[in-house]
PDB file of N, CA and C in Angstrom:
ATOM      1  N   MET A   1      10.134 -56.095  23.297  1.00  0.00           N
ATOM      2  CA  MET A   1       9.296 -56.932  22.830  1.00  0.00           C
ATOM      3  C   MET A   1       8.009 -57.549  23.573  1.00  0.00           C
ATOM      4  N   THR A   2       6.997 -57.161  23.553  1.00  0.00           N
ATOM      5  CA  THR A   2       5.699 -57.699  24.262  1.00  0.00           C
ATOM      6  C   THR A   2       5.360 -58.653  23.903  1.00  0.00           C
ATOM      7  N   ARG A   3       4.865 -59.331  24.958  1.00  0.00           N
ATOM      8  CA  ARG A   3       4.517 -60.765  24.927  1.00  0.00           C
ATOM      9  C   ARG A   3       2.577 -60.923  25.068  1.00  0.00           C
ATOM     10  N   THR A   4       2.133 -61.274  23.745  1.00  0.00           N
ATOM     11  CA  THR A   4       0.612 -60.983  24.233  1.00  0.00           C
ATOM     12  C   THR A   4       0.104 -62.460  24.962  1.00  0.00           C
ATOM     13  N   LYS A   5      -0.774 -62.362  25.543  1.00  0.00           N
ATOM     14  CA  LYS A   5      -1.684 -63.657  26.219  1.00  0.00           C
ATOM     15  C   LYS A   5      -2.143 -64.235  25.008  1.00  0.00           C
ATOM     16  N   PRO A   6      -2.009 -65.649  24.619  1.00  0.00           N
ATOM     17  CA  PRO A   6      -2.562 -66.279  23.933  1.00  0.00           C
ATOM     18  C   PRO A   6      -4.183 -66.306  23.829  1.00  0.00           C
ATOM     19  N   ASP A   7      -4.804 -66.550  22.775  1.00  0.00           N
ATOM     20  CA  ASP A   7      -6.397 -66.389  23.037  1.00  0.00           C
ATOM     21  C   ASP A   7      -6.776 -68.021  22.880  1.00  0.00           C
ATOM     22  N   GLY A   8      -7.938 -68.127  23.834  1.00  0.00           N
ATOM     23  CA  GLY A   8      -8.423 -69.423  23.980  1.00  0.00           C
ATOM     24  C   GLY A   8      -8.682 -70.213  22.626  1.00  0.00           C
ATOM     25  N   ILE A   9      -9.149 -69.274  21.698  1.00  0.00           N
ATOM     26  CA  ILE A   9      -9.362 -70.034  20.354  1.00  0.00           C
ATOM     27  C   ILE A   9      -8.102 -70.679  19.822  1.00  0.00           C
ATOM     28  N   GLN A  10      -7.021 -69.907  19.887  1.00  0.00           N
ATOM     29  CA  GLN A  10      -5.776 -70.208  19.295  1.00  0.00           C
ATOM     30  C   GLN A  10      -5.152 -71.690  20.145  1.00  0.00           C
ATOM     31  N   ASP A  11      -5.249 -71.673  21.503  1.00  0.00           N
ATOM     32  CA  ASP A  11      -4.533 -72.570  22.201  1.00  0.00           C
ATOM     33  C   ASP A  11      -5.327 -73.952  21.422  1.00  0.00           C
ATOM     34  N   THR A  12      -6.589 -73.895  21.739  1.00  0.00           N
ATOM     35  CA  THR A  12      -7.450 -75.015  21.316  1.00  0.00           C
ATOM     36  C   THR A  12      -6.699 -75.480  19.671  1.00  0.00           C
ATOM     37  N   ILE A  13      -6.474 -74.580  18.899  1.00  0.00           N
ATOM     38  CA  ILE A  13      -6.303 -74.622  17.254  1.00  0.00           C
ATOM     39  C   ILE A  13      -4.909 -75.683  17.663  1.00  0.00           C
ATOM     40  N   ASN A  14      -3.948 -74.907  18.348  1.00  0.00           N
ATOM     41  CA  ASN A  14      -2.546 -75.687  18.631  1.00  0.00           C
ATOM     42  C   ASN A  14      -2.611 -76.687  18.975  1.00  0.00           C
ATOM     43  N   MET A  15      -3.748 -77.089  19.968  1.00  0.00           N
ATOM     44  CA  MET A  15      -3.607 -78.609  20.631  1.00  0.00           C
ATOM     45  C   MET A  15      -3.790 -79.447  19.769  1.00  0.00           C
ATOM     46  N   LEU A  16      -5.131 -78.994  18.872  1.00  0.00           N
ATOM     47  CA  LEU A  16      -5.446 -79.993  17.680  1.00  0.00           C
ATOM     48  C   LEU A  16      -4.704 -80.302  16.548  1.00  0.00           C
ATOM     49  N   PHE A  17      -3.850 -79.378  16.253  1.00  0.00           N
ATOM     50  CA  PHE A  17      -2.927 -79.331  15.144  1.00  0.00           C
ATOM     51  C   PHE A  17      -1.407 -78.952  15.753  1.00  0.00           C
ATOM     52  N   PRO A  18      -0.944 -79.769  15.739  1.00  0.00           N
ATOM     53  CA  PRO A  18       0.731 -79.452  16.525  1.00  0.00           C
ATOM     54  C   PRO A  18       1.611 -78.782  15.220  1.00  0.00           C
ATOM     55  N   GLU A  19       2.405 -77.973  15.753  1.00  0.00           N
ATOM     56  CA  GLU A  19       3.343 -77.032  14.783  1.00  0.00           C
ATOM     57  C   GLU A  19       3.612 -77.879  13.481  1.00  0.00           C
ATOM     58  N   GLY A  20       4.075 -79.070  13.765  1.00  0.00           N
ATOM     59  CA  GLY A  20       4.358 -79.972  12.581  1.00  0.00           C
ATOM     60  C   GLY A  20       3.620 -79.921  11.637  1.00  0.00           C
ATOM     61  N   SER A  21       2.261 -79.987  11.750  1.00  0.00           N
ATOM     62  CA  SER A  21       1.107 -80.468  10.634  1.00  0.00           C
ATOM     63  C   SER A  21       1.443 -79.315   9.503  1.00  0.00           C
ATOM     64  N   SER A  22       0.737 -79.772   8.444  1.00  0.00           N
ATOM     65  CA  SER A  22       0.651 -78.694   7.247  1.00  0.00           C
ATOM     66  C   SER A  22       0.024 -77.699   7.534  1.00  0.00           C
ATOM     67  N   PRO A  23       0.618 -76.645   7.043  1.00  0.00           N
ATOM     68  CA  PRO A  23      -0.142 -75.231   7.479  1.00  0.00           C
ATOM     69  C   PRO A  23      -1.661 -75.365   6.878  1.00  0.00           C
ATOM     70  N   ARG A  24      -1.701 -76.094   5.387  1.00  0.00           N
ATOM     71  CA  ARG A  24      -2.936 -76.165   4.614  1.00  0.00           C
ATOM     72  C   ARG A  24      -3.870 -76.863   5.524  1.00  0.00           C
ATOM     73  N   HIS A  25      -3.593 -77.817   6.444  1.00  0.00           N
ATOM     74  CA  HIS A  25      -4.791 -78.563   7.139  1.00  0.00           C
ATOM     75  C   HIS A  25      -5.073 -77.697   8.465  1.00  0.00           C
ATOM     76  N   GLN A  26      -4.270 -77.164   8.732  1.00  0.00           N
ATOM     77  CA  GLN A  26      -4.234 -76.077  10.195  1.00  0.00           C
ATOM     78  C   GLN A  26      -5.248 -74.928   9.995  1.00  0.00           C
ATOM     79  N   PRO A  27      -6.349 -75.145  10.275  1.00  0.00           N
ATOM     80  CA  PRO A  27      -6.972 -74.005  10.563  1.00  0.00           C
ATOM     81  C   PRO A  27      -6.656 -72.580  11.141  1.00  0.00           C
ATOM     82  N   SER A  28      -7.013 -71.392  10.867  1.00  0.00           N
ATOM     83  CA  SER A  28      -6.854 -70.338  11.246  1.00  0.00           C
ATOM     84  C   SER A  28      -7.804 -69.632  12.049  1.00  0.00           C
ATOM     85  N   ILE A  29      -7.636 -68.467  12.949  1.00  0.00           N
ATOM     86  CA  ILE A  29      -8.737 -67.937  13.647  1.00  0.00           C
ATOM     87  C   ILE A  29      -9.526 -67.289  12.674  1.00  0.00           C
ATOM     88  N   GLU A  30      -8.908 -66.720  12.001  1.00  0.00           N
ATOM     89  CA  GLU A  30      -9.521 -65.784  11.174  1.00  0.00           C
ATOM     90  C   GLU A  30     -10.895 -66.651  10.234  1.00  0.00           C
ATOM     91  N   GLY A  31     -10.153 -67.995   9.856  1.00  0.00           N
ATOM     92  CA  GLY A  31     -11.069 -68.799   9.178  1.00  0.00           C
ATOM     93  C   GLY A  31     -12.136 -68.927   9.687  1.00  0.00           C
ATOM     94  N   LEU A  32     -12.229 -69.187  11.343  1.00  0.00           N
ATOM     95  CA  LEU A  32     -13.380 -69.367  12.049  1.00  0.00           C
ATOM     96  C   LEU A  32     -14.125 -68.401  12.430  1.00  0.00           C
ATOM     97  N   GLY A  33     -13.886 -67.097  12.066  1.00  0.00           N
ATOM     98  CA  GLY A  33     -14.761 -66.012  12.057  1.00  0.00           C
ATOM     99  C   GLY A  33     -14.172 -65.121  13.285  1.00  0.00           C
ATOM    100  N   ALA A  34     -13.328 -65.667  13.905  1.00  0.00           N
ATOM    101  CA  ALA A  34     -13.071 -64.878  15.246  1.00  0.00           C
ATOM    102  C   ALA A  34     -11.375 -63.922  14.938  1.00  0.00           C
ATOM    103  N   LYS A  35     -11.427 -63.013  15.702  1.00  0.00           N
ATOM    104  CA  LYS A  35     -10.383 -62.492  15.707  1.00  0.00           C
ATOM    105  C   LYS A  35      -9.622 -62.339  17.007  1.00  0.00           C
ATOM    106  N   ALA A  36      -8.149 -62.405  16.886  1.00  0.00           N
ATOM    107  CA  ALA A  36      -7.176 -62.658  18.205  1.00  0.00           C
ATOM    108  C   ALA A  36      -7.625 -61.623  19.072  1.00  0.00           C
ATOM    109  N   GLY A  37      -7.934 -62.174  20.369  1.00  0.00           N
ATOM    110  CA  GLY A  37      -8.341 -61.377  21.494  1.00  0.00           C
ATOM    111  C   GLY A  37     -10.160 -61.319  21.324  1.00  0.00           C
ATOM    112  N   PHE A  38     -10.410 -62.047  20.547  1.00  0.00           N
ATOM    113  CA  PHE A  38     -11.996 -61.710  20.722  1.00  0.00           C
ATOM    114  C   PHE A  38     -12.611 -62.387  21.897  1.00  0.00           C
ATOM    115  N   ARG A  39     -13.712 -61.334  22.432  1.00  0.00           N
ATOM    116  CA  ARG A  39     -14.280 -61.931  23.607  1.00  0.00           C
ATOM    117  C   ARG A  39     -15.820 -61.587  23.131  1.00  0.00           C
ATOM    118  N   PRO A  40     -16.459 -62.786  23.595  1.00  0.00           N
ATOM    119  CA  PRO A  40     -17.955 -62.643  23.095  1.00  0.00           C
ATOM    120  C   PRO A  40     -18.762 -61.673  23.791  1.00  0.00           C
ATOM    121  N   THR A  41     -19.589 -61.402  23.333  1.00  0.00           N
ATOM    122  CA  THR A  41     -20.567 -60.521  24.162  1.00  0.00           C
ATOM    123  C   THR A  41     -21.472 -61.169  24.975  1.00  0.00           C
ATOM    124  N   LYS A  42     -21.943 -60.397  25.968  1.00  0.00           N
ATOM    125  CA  LYS A  42     -22.740 -60.751  27.042  1.00  0.00           C
ATOM    126  C   LYS A  42     -24.059 -61.051  26.447  1.00  0.00           C
ATOM    127  N   SER A  43     -24.689 -61.986  26.989  1.00  0.00           N
ATOM    128  CA  SER A  43     -26.173 -62.099  26.678  1.00  0.00           C
ATOM    129  C   SER A  43     -27.069 -61.181  27.538  1.00  0.00           C
ATOM    130  N   ARG A  44     -28.149 -60.772  26.975  1.00  0.00           N
ATOM    131  CA  ARG A  44     -28.759 -59.767  27.763  1.00  0.00           C
ATOM    132  C   ARG A  44     -29.168 -60.164  29.175  1.00  0.00           C
ATOM    133  N   PHE A  45     -29.148 -61.547  29.518  1.00  0.00           N
ATOM    134  CA  PHE A  45     -29.723 -61.909  30.810  1.00  0.00           C
ATOM    135  C   PHE A  45     -28.162 -61.738  31.586  1.00  0.00           C
ATOM    136  N   GLU A  46     -27.150 -62.175  30.930  1.00  0.00           N
ATOM    137  CA  GLU A  46     -25.749 -61.883  31.811  1.00  0.00           C
ATOM    138  C   GLU A  46     -25.394 -60.354  32.214  1.00  0.00           C
ATOM    139  N   ALA A  47     -25.973 -59.360  30.844  1.00  0.00           N
ATOM    140  CA  ALA A  47     -25.934 -58.079  31.101  1.00  0.00           C
ATOM    141  C   ALA A  47     -26.498 -57.522  32.335  1.00  0.00           C
ATOM    142  N   LYS A  48     -28.015 -58.048  32.375  1.00  0.00           N
ATOM    143  CA  LYS A  48     -29.022 -57.363  33.015  1.00  0.00           C
ATOM    144  C   LYS A  48     -28.359 -58.025  34.588  1.00  0.00           C
ATOM    145  N   ALA A  49     -28.179 -59.166  34.550  1.00  0.00           N
ATOM    146  CA  ALA A  49     -27.486 -59.882  36.095  1.00  0.00           C
ATOM    147  C   ALA A  49     -26.167 -59.102  36.474  1.00  0.00           C
ATOM    148  N   ASP A  50     -25.466 -58.559  35.706  1.00  0.00           N
ATOM    149  CA  ASP A  50     -24.151 -57.867  36.376  1.00  0.00           C
ATOM    150  C   ASP A  50     -24.663 -56.449  36.279  1.00  0.00           C
ATOM    151  N   GLU A  51     -25.841 -55.849  36.014  1.00  0.00           N
ATOM    152  CA  GLU A  51     -26.113 -54.499  36.081  1.00  0.00           C
ATOM    153  C   GLU A  51     -26.829 -54.659  37.761  1.00  0.00           C
ATOM    154  N   THR A  52     -27.486 -55.577  37.813  1.00  0.00           N
ATOM    155  CA  THR A  52     -27.920 -55.737  39.287  1.00  0.00           C
ATOM    156  C   THR A  52     -27.056 -55.861  40.424  1.00  0.00           C
ATOM    157  N   THR A  53     -26.103 -56.721  39.861  1.00  0.00           N
ATOM    158  CA  THR A  53     -25.182 -57.065  40.839  1.00  0.00           C
ATOM    159  C   THR A  53     -24.191 -55.715  41.178  1.00  0.00           C
ATOM    160  N   ARG A  54     -24.055 -54.787  40.033  1.00  0.00           N
ATOM    161  CA  ARG A  54     -23.400 -53.460  40.490  1.00  0.00           C
ATOM    162  C   ARG A  54     -24.291 -52.609  41.141  1.00  0.00           C
ATOM    163  N   MET A  55     -25.675 -52.517  40.882  1.00  0.00           N
ATOM    164  CA  MET A  55     -26.497 -51.849  41.724  1.00  0.00           C
ATOM    165  C   MET A  55     -26.529 -51.994  42.823  1.00  0.00           C
ATOM    166  N   VAL A  56     -26.834 -53.692  43.403  1.00  0.00           N
ATOM    167  CA  VAL A  56     -26.772 -53.870  44.737  1.00  0.00           C
ATOM    168  C   VAL A  56     -25.260 -53.710  45.586  1.00  0.00           C
ATOM    169  N   ARG A  57     -24.181 -53.995  45.021  1.00  0.00           N
ATOM    170  CA  ARG A  57     -22.876 -53.539  45.628  1.00  0.00           C
ATOM    171  C   ARG A  57     -22.711 -52.029  45.662  1.00  0.00           C
ATOM    172  N   GLU A  58     -23.280 -51.125  44.937  1.00  0.00           N
ATOM    173  CA  GLU A  58     -23.349 -49.770  45.067  1.00  0.00           C
ATOM    174  C   GLU A  58     -24.192 -49.683  46.511  1.00  0.00           C
ATOM    175  N   MET A  59     -25.489 -50.040  46.571  1.00  0.00           N
ATOM    176  CA  MET A  59     -26.262 -49.301  47.814  1.00  0.00           C
ATOM    177  C   MET A  59     -25.678 -50.337  48.845  1.00  0.00           C
ATOM    178  N   THR A  60     -25.051 -51.365  49.047  1.00  0.00           N
ATOM    179  CA  THR A  60     -24.295 -51.894  50.002  1.00  0.00           C
ATOM    180  C   THR A  60     -23.267 -51.410  50.691  1.00  0.00           C
ATOM    181  N   ASP A  61     -22.400 -50.848  49.674  1.00  0.00           N
ATOM    182  CA  ASP A  61     -21.411 -50.169  50.083  1.00  0.00           C
ATOM    183  C   ASP A  61     -21.642 -48.528  50.621  1.00  0.00           C
ATOM    184  N   GLN A  62     -22.849 -48.147  50.121  1.00  0.00           N
ATOM    185  CA  GLN A  62     -23.341 -46.891  50.558  1.00  0.00           C
ATOM    186  C   GLN A  62     -23.875 -47.067  52.264  1.00  0.00           C
ATOM    187  N   ALA A  63     -24.745 -48.002  52.265  1.00  0.00           N
ATOM    188  CA  ALA A  63     -25.213 -48.449  53.468  1.00  0.00           C
ATOM    189  C   ALA A  63     -24.155 -48.583  54.294  1.00  0.00           C
ATOM    190  N   THR A  64     -22.799 -49.324  54.269  1.00  0.00           N
ATOM    191  CA  THR A  64     -21.713 -49.632  55.193  1.00  0.00           C
ATOM    192  C   THR A  64     -21.286 -48.262  55.344  1.00  0.00           C
ATOM    193  N   GLU A  65     -20.834 -47.319  54.434  1.00  0.00           N
ATOM    194  CA  GLU A  65     -20.450 -46.185  54.771  1.00  0.00           C
ATOM    195  C   GLU A  65     -21.216 -45.417  55.717  1.00  0.00           C
ATOM    196  N   GLN A  66     -22.707 -45.168  55.320  1.00  0.00           N
ATOM    197  CA  GLN A  66     -23.611 -44.496  56.508  1.00  0.00           C
ATOM    198  C   GLN A  66     -23.386 -45.172  57.687  1.00  0.00           C
ATOM    199  N   ARG A  67     -23.172 -46.378  57.694  1.00  0.00           N
ATOM    200  CA  ARG A  67     -23.522 -47.140  59.180  1.00  0.00           C
ATOM    201  C   ARG A  67     -22.245 -46.971  60.019  1.00  0.00           C
ATOM    202  N   GLN A  68     -20.870 -46.998  59.231  1.00  0.00           N
ATOM    203  CA  GLN A  68     -19.362 -46.475  59.790  1.00  0.00           C
ATOM    204  C   GLN A  68     -19.458 -44.934  59.923  1.00  0.00           C
ATOM    205  N   ALA A  69     -20.077 -44.119  59.555  1.00  0.00           N
ATOM    206  CA  ALA A  69     -20.305 -42.697  59.889  1.00  0.00           C
ATOM    207  C   ALA A  69     -21.220 -42.704  60.911  1.00  0.00           C
ATOM    208  N   LYS A  70     -22.285 -43.386  61.209  1.00  0.00           N
ATOM    209  CA  LYS A  70     -23.050 -43.150  62.528  1.00  0.00           C
ATOM    210  C   LYS A  70     -22.241 -43.713  63.596  1.00  0.00           C
ATOM    211  N   THR A  71     -21.890 -44.908  63.474  1.00  0.00           N
ATOM    212  CA  THR A  71     -21.041 -45.625  64.599  1.00  0.00           C
ATOM    213  C   THR A  71     -19.824 -44.385  65.087  1.00  0.00           C
ATOM    214  N   VAL A  72     -19.065 -43.964  64.149  1.00  0.00           N
ATOM    215  CA  VAL A  72     -18.046 -42.713  64.593  1.00  0.00           C
ATOM    216  C   VAL A  72     -18.812 -41.510  65.210  1.00  0.00           C
ATOM    217  N   ALA A  73     -19.861 -41.214  64.752  1.00  0.00           N
ATOM    218  CA  ALA A  73     -20.616 -40.168  65.712  1.00  0.00           C
ATOM    219  C   ALA A  73     -20.930 -40.702  66.899  1.00  0.00           C
ATOM    220  N   LEU A  74     -21.605 -41.530  67.081  1.00  0.00           N
ATOM    221  CA  LEU A  74     -22.051 -42.170  68.105  1.00  0.00           C
ATOM    222  C   LEU A  74     -21.415 -42.210  69.100  1.00  0.00           C
ATOM    223  N   ARG A  75     -20.226 -42.998  68.716  1.00  0.00           N
ATOM    224  CA  ARG A  75     -19.043 -43.412  69.932  1.00  0.00           C
ATOM    225  C   ARG A  75     -18.403 -41.994  70.200  1.00  0.00           C
ATOM    226  N   ALA A  76     -18.192 -41.171  69.448  1.00  0.00           N
ATOM    227  CA  ALA A  76     -17.751 -39.897  70.049  1.00  0.00           C
ATOM    228  C   ALA A  76     -18.717 -39.293  70.855  1.00  0.00           C
ATOM    229  N   ALA A  77     -20.108 -39.184  70.876  1.00  0.00           N
ATOM    230  CA  ALA A  77     -21.189 -38.683  71.521  1.00  0.00           C
ATOM    231  C   ALA A  77     -20.731 -39.501  72.906  1.00  0.00           C
ATOM    232  N   ARG A  78     -20.843 -40.830  72.888  1.00  0.00           N
ATOM    233  CA  ARG A  78     -20.641 -41.518  74.279  1.00  0.00           C
ATOM    234  C   ARG A  78     -19.498 -41.151  75.009  1.00  0.00           C
ATOM    235  N   LEU A  79     -18.211 -41.324  74.406  1.00  0.00           N
ATOM    236  CA  LEU A  79     -17.178 -40.823  74.944  1.00  0.00           C
ATOM    237  C   LEU A  79     -17.401 -39.234  75.450  1.00  0.00           C
ATOM    238  N   GLN A  80     -17.826 -38.187  74.818  1.00  0.00           N
ATOM    239  CA  GLN A  80     -17.980 -37.092  75.531  1.00  0.00           C
ATOM    240  C   GLN A  80     -18.913 -37.118  76.906  1.00  0.00           C
ATOM    241  N   LYS A  81     -19.957 -37.746  76.598  1.00  0.00           N
ATOM    242  CA  LYS A  81     -20.950 -37.847  77.849  1.00  0.00           C
ATOM    243  C   LYS A  81     -20.205 -38.518  79.165  1.00  0.00           C
ATOM    244  N   GLU A  82     -19.544 -39.615  78.555  1.00  0.00           N
ATOM    245  CA  GLU A  82     -18.691 -40.340  79.801  1.00  0.00           C
ATOM    246  C   GLU A  82     -17.812 -39.348  80.260  1.00  0.00           C
ATOM    247  N   SER A  83     -17.076 -38.593  79.659  1.00  0.00           N
ATOM    248  CA  SER A  83     -16.061 -37.675  80.479  1.00  0.00           C
ATOM    249  C   SER A  83     -16.812 -36.565  81.246  1.00  0.00           C
ATOM    250  N   GLU A  84     -18.024 -36.243  80.620  1.00  0.00           N
ATOM    251  CA  GLU A  84     -18.850 -34.965  81.304  1.00  0.00           C
ATOM    252  C   GLU A  84     -19.577 -35.717  82.651  1.00  0.00           C
ATOM    253  N   ASP A  85     -19.563 -37.106  82.539  1.00  0.00           N
ATOM    254  CA  ASP A  85     -19.874 -37.654  83.732  1.00  0.00           C
ATOM    255  C   ASP A  85     -19.158 -38.102  84.794  1.00  0.00           C
ATOM    256  N   ARG A  86     -17.696 -38.238  84.484  1.00  0.00           N
ATOM    257  CA  ARG A  86     -16.578 -38.104  85.145  1.00  0.00           C
ATOM    258  C   ARG A  86     -16.294 -37.078  86.167  1.00  0.00           C
ATOM    259  N   GLU A  87     -16.186 -36.062  85.382  1.00  0.00           N
ATOM    260  CA  GLU A  87     -16.024 -34.660  85.615  1.00  0.00           C
ATOM    261  C   GLU A  87     -17.069 -34.322  86.730  1.00  0.00           C
ATOM    262  N   ALA A  88     -18.307 -34.403  86.456  1.00  0.00           N
ATOM    263  CA  ALA A  88     -19.646 -34.153  87.316  1.00  0.00           C
ATOM    264  C   ALA A  88     -19.344 -34.797  88.562  1.00  0.00           C
ATOM    265  N   ALA A  89     -18.629 -36.151  88.802  1.00  0.00           N
ATOM    266  CA  ALA A  89     -18.935 -37.006  89.890  1.00  0.00           C
ATOM    267  C   ALA A  89     -17.364 -36.092  90.699  1.00  0.00           C
ATOM    268  N   ALA A  90     -16.503 -35.982  89.916  1.00  0.00           N
ATOM    269  CA  ALA A  90     -15.464 -35.540  90.413  1.00  0.00           C
ATOM    270  C   ALA A  90     -15.700 -34.052  91.392  1.00  0.00           C
ATOM    271  N   ALA A  91     -16.501 -33.197  90.708  1.00  0.00           N
ATOM    272  CA  ALA A  91     -16.962 -32.085  91.132  1.00  0.00           C
ATOM    273  C   ALA A  91     -17.819 -32.286  92.403  1.00  0.00           C
ATOM    274  N   ALA A  92     -18.741 -33.230  92.114  1.00  0.00           N
ATOM    275  CA  ALA A  92     -19.741 -33.201  93.578  1.00  0.00           C
ATOM    276  C   ALA A  92     -18.941 -33.526  95.048  1.00  0.00           C
ATOM    277  N   PRO A  93     -19.700 -33.032  95.972  1.00  0.00           N
ATOM    278  CA  PRO A  93     -18.826 -33.423  97.120  1.00  0.00           C
ATOM    279  C   PRO A  93     -19.077 -34.743  97.762  1.00  0.00           C
ATOM    280  N   ALA A  94     -18.325 -34.952  98.511  1.00  0.00           N
ATOM    281  CA  ALA A  94     -18.213 -36.301  98.832  1.00  0.00           C
ATOM    282  C   ALA A  94     -19.369 -36.708  99.655  1.00  0.00           C
ATOM    283  N   ARG A  95     -20.316 -37.822  99.759  1.00  0.00           N
ATOM    284  CA  ARG A  95     -21.349 -37.892 100.923  1.00  0.00           C
ATOM    285  C   ARG A  95     -20.612 -38.862 101.782  1.00  0.00           C
ATOM    286  N   LYS A  96     -21.475 -38.437 102.957  1.00  0.00           N
ATOM    287  CA  LYS A  96     -20.903 -39.308 104.171  1.00  0.00           C
ATOM    288  C   LYS A  96     -21.486 -40.788 103.947  1.00  0.00           C
ATOM    289  N   PRO A  97     -20.697 -41.885 104.391  1.00  0.00           N
ATOM    290  CA  PRO A  97     -21.460 -43.141 104.313  1.00  0.00           C
ATOM    291  C   PRO A  97     -22.492 -43.628 105.180  1.00  0.00           C
ATOM    292  N   VAL A  98     -23.444 -44.004 104.809  1.00  0.00           N
ATOM    293  CA  VAL A  98     -24.520 -44.285 105.671  1.00  0.00           C
ATOM    294  C   VAL A  98     -24.062 -45.588 106.300  1.00  0.00           C
ATOM    295  N   ARG A  99     -24.405 -45.536 107.588  1.00  0.00           N
ATOM    296  CA  ARG A  99     -24.103 -46.411 108.665  1.00  0.00           C
ATOM    297  C   ARG A  99     -25.344 -47.558 108.671  1.00  0.00           C
ATOM    298  N   ALA A 100     -25.012 -48.545 108.838  1.00  0.00           N
ATOM    299  CA  ALA A 100     -25.870 -49.807 108.770  1.00  0.00           C
ATOM    300  C   ALA A 100     -26.727 -49.704 110.052  1.00  0.00           C
ATOM    301  N   ARG A 101     -28.041 -50.040 109.733  1.00  0.00           N
ATOM    302  CA  ARG A 101     -28.946 -49.968 111.150  1.00  0.00           C
ATOM    303  C   ARG A 101     -29.049 -51.555 111.723  1.00  0.00           C
ATOM    304  N   LYS A 102     -29.382 -51.327 113.042  1.00  0.00           N
ATOM    305  CA  LYS A 102     -29.668 -52.473 113.865  1.00  0.00           C
ATOM    306  C   LYS A 102     -31.015 -53.226 113.355  1.00  0.00           C
ATOM    307  N   PRO A 103     -31.081 -54.314 113.059  1.00  0.00           N
ATOM    308  CA  PRO A 103     -32.688 -54.811 112.842  1.00  0.00           C
ATOM    309  C   PRO A 103     -33.443 -54.259 114.296  1.00  0.00           C
ATOM    310  N   LYS A 104     -34.744 -54.031 113.928  1.00  0.00           N
ATOM    311  CA  LYS A 104     -35.536 -53.660 114.974  1.00  0.00           C
ATOM    312  C   LYS A 104     -35.842 -55.379 115.667  1.00  0.00           C
ATOM    313  N   SER A 105     -35.674 -55.337 117.043  1.00  0.00           N
ATOM    314  CA  SER A 105     -36.116 -56.590 117.769  1.00  0.00           C
ATOM    315  C   SER A 105     -37.807 -56.569 117.744  1.00  0.00           C
ATOM    316  N   VAL A 106     -38.342 -57.786 117.583  1.00  0.00           N
ATOM    317  CA  VAL A 106     -39.502 -58.149 117.661  1.00  0.00           C
ATOM    318  C   VAL A 106     -39.835 -58.707 118.723  1.00  0.00           C
ATOM    319  N   PRO A 107     -41.139 -58.149 119.597  1.00  0.00           N
ATOM    320  CA  PRO A 107     -41.384 -59.072 120.563  1.00  0.00           C
ATOM    321  C   PRO A 107     -41.809 -60.318 120.352  1.00  0.00           C
ATOM    322  N   THR A 108     -41.637 -61.118 120.998  1.00  0.00           N
ATOM    323  CA  THR A 108     -42.265 -62.345 121.089  1.00  0.00           C
ATOM    324  C   THR A 108     -43.354 -62.863 122.080  1.00  0.00           C
ATOM    325  N   VAL A 109     -44.524 -63.146 121.629  1.00  0.00           N
ATOM    326  CA  VAL A 109     -45.476 -63.486 122.522  1.00  0.00           C
ATOM    327  C   VAL A 109     -45.472 -65.021 123.074  1.00  0.00           C
TER     328      VAL A 109
END
């Protein structure tokens, strides 16, 4: 047995007219012009707002994916460059250390 979720209209009717009241005085959903599970349609403003929100989310998601792909590519290029620099530094001959020079003496007058 499946249990359906009660409708908001039916909840209001049940609250206003308890089960013990006469069925003759208790209105039904069908009498109000609504069917069980009825969902009101969106106004044109709500529909337009929802469409705009959906489009903005799509554009934002697409920009995020592009940014993440670019970040991955740049990270790979940086790591490749760093490894090449390390290899070049290891292959280069070691330089002699430079001796510190003594400061020249300046004649005093």
